[in-house]
Amino acid sequence: MGPNAANSYARSAAASPAVGELRKKRRNKLIIYTHLFAIFQTGIILIFSFIIMKV
């Protein structure tokens, strides 16, 4: 049994920044999609309110 036998999830030092960068990209994508969804929902609400209120 080698030194990494207890920790089977050991990562090399070179892989750590890549994992952090991937998380950052995923988080940014989630934020962008959340904002786009909010804008889309606002547009739908405005359209329905204008139709119902006949502005």
C-alpha atoms as a PDB file:
ATOM      1  CA  MET A   1       0.000   0.000   0.000  1.00  0.00           C
ATOM      2  CA  GLY A   2       1.388   3.343  -1.048  1.00  0.00           C
ATOM      3  CA  PRO A   3       1.159   6.690   0.698  1.00  0.00           C
ATOM      4  CA  ASN A   4      -2.086   7.521  -1.136  1.00  0.00           C
ATOM      5  CA  ALA A   5      -3.840   4.301  -0.140  1.00  0.00           C
ATOM      6  CA  ALA A   6      -5.851   5.999   2.614  1.00  0.00           C
ATOM      7  CA  ASN A   7      -6.893   8.848   0.333  1.00  0.00           C
ATOM      8  CA  SER A   8      -8.107   7.406  -2.948  1.00  0.00           C
ATOM      9  CA  TYR A   9      -9.270  10.867  -4.052  1.00  0.00           C
ATOM     10  CA  ALA A  10      -5.803  12.418  -4.157  1.00  0.00           C
ATOM     11  CA  ARG A  11      -5.359  14.948  -6.937  1.00  0.00           C
ATOM     12  CA  SER A  12      -2.217  16.321  -8.439  1.00  0.00           C
ATOM     13  CA  ALA A  13      -1.348  19.955  -7.805  1.00  0.00           C
ATOM     14  CA  ALA A  14      -1.822  20.699 -11.505  1.00  0.00           C
ATOM     15  CA  ALA A  15      -5.447  19.517 -11.481  1.00  0.00           C
ATOM     16  CA  SER A  16      -6.563  21.778  -8.612  1.00  0.00           C
ATOM     17  CA  PRO A  17      -6.634  25.076 -10.559  1.00  0.00           C
ATOM     18  CA  ALA A  18      -8.483  23.379 -13.403  1.00  0.00           C
ATOM     19  CA  VAL A  19     -11.176  22.171 -11.012  1.00  0.00           C
ATOM     20  CA  GLY A  20     -11.554  25.666  -9.546  1.00  0.00           C
ATOM     21  CA  GLU A  21     -11.776  27.179 -13.009  1.00  0.00           C
ATOM     22  CA  LEU A  22     -14.447  24.661 -14.003  1.00  0.00           C
ATOM     23  CA  ARG A  23     -16.506  25.511 -10.908  1.00  0.00           C
ATOM     24  CA  LYS A  24     -16.173  29.217 -11.670  1.00  0.00           C
ATOM     25  CA  LYS A  25     -17.367  28.699 -15.257  1.00  0.00           C
ATOM     26  CA  ARG A  26     -20.329  26.623 -14.091  1.00  0.00           C
ATOM     27  CA  ARG A  27     -21.261  29.223 -11.480  1.00  0.00           C
ATOM     28  CA  ASN A  28     -21.040  32.037 -14.036  1.00  0.00           C
ATOM     29  CA  LYS A  29     -23.187  30.062 -16.463  1.00  0.00           C
ATOM     30  CA  LEU A  30     -25.776  29.487 -13.731  1.00  0.00           C
ATOM     31  CA  ILE A  31     -25.836  33.199 -12.896  1.00  0.00           C
ATOM     32  CA  ILE A  32     -26.246  34.140 -16.565  1.00  0.00           C
ATOM     33  CA  TYR A  33     -29.076  31.653 -17.107  1.00  0.00           C
ATOM     34  CA  THR A  34     -30.802  32.809 -13.904  1.00  0.00           C
ATOM     35  CA  HIS A  35     -30.698  36.432 -15.054  1.00  0.00           C
ATOM     36  CA  LEU A  36     -31.934  35.516 -18.527  1.00  0.00           C
ATOM     37  CA  PHE A  37     -34.817  33.558 -17.000  1.00  0.00           C
ATOM     38  CA  ALA A  38     -35.738  36.523 -14.781  1.00  0.00           C
ATOM     39  CA  ILE A  39     -35.735  38.866 -17.797  1.00  0.00           C
ATOM     40  CA  PHE A  40     -37.832  36.389 -19.791  1.00  0.00           C
ATOM     41  CA  GLN A  41     -40.347  36.040 -16.943  1.00  0.00           C
ATOM     42  CA  THR A  42     -40.567  39.830 -16.600  1.00  0.00           C
ATOM     43  CA  GLY A  43     -41.317  40.111 -20.312  1.00  0.00           C
ATOM     44  CA  ILE A  44     -44.048  37.470 -20.127  1.00  0.00           C
ATOM     45  CA  ILE A  45     -45.632  39.177 -17.101  1.00  0.00           C
ATOM     46  CA  LEU A  46     -45.562  42.543 -18.893  1.00  0.00           C
ATOM     47  CA  ILE A  47     -47.141  41.082 -22.026  1.00  0.00           C
ATOM     48  CA  PHE A  48     -49.962  39.456 -20.073  1.00  0.00           C
ATOM     49  CA  SER A  49     -50.533  42.556 -17.939  1.00  0.00           C
ATOM     50  CA  PHE A  50     -50.714  44.772 -21.042  1.00  0.00           C
ATOM     51  CA  ILE A  51     -53.171  42.378 -22.677  1.00  0.00           C
ATOM     52  CA  ILE A  52     -55.396  42.152 -19.601  1.00  0.00           C
ATOM     53  CA  MET A  53     -55.245  45.875 -18.768  1.00  0.00           C
ATOM     54  CA  LYS A  54     -55.449  46.882 -22.460  1.00  0.00           C
ATOM     55  CA  VAL A  55     -52.861  49.604 -22.088  1.00  0.00           C
END
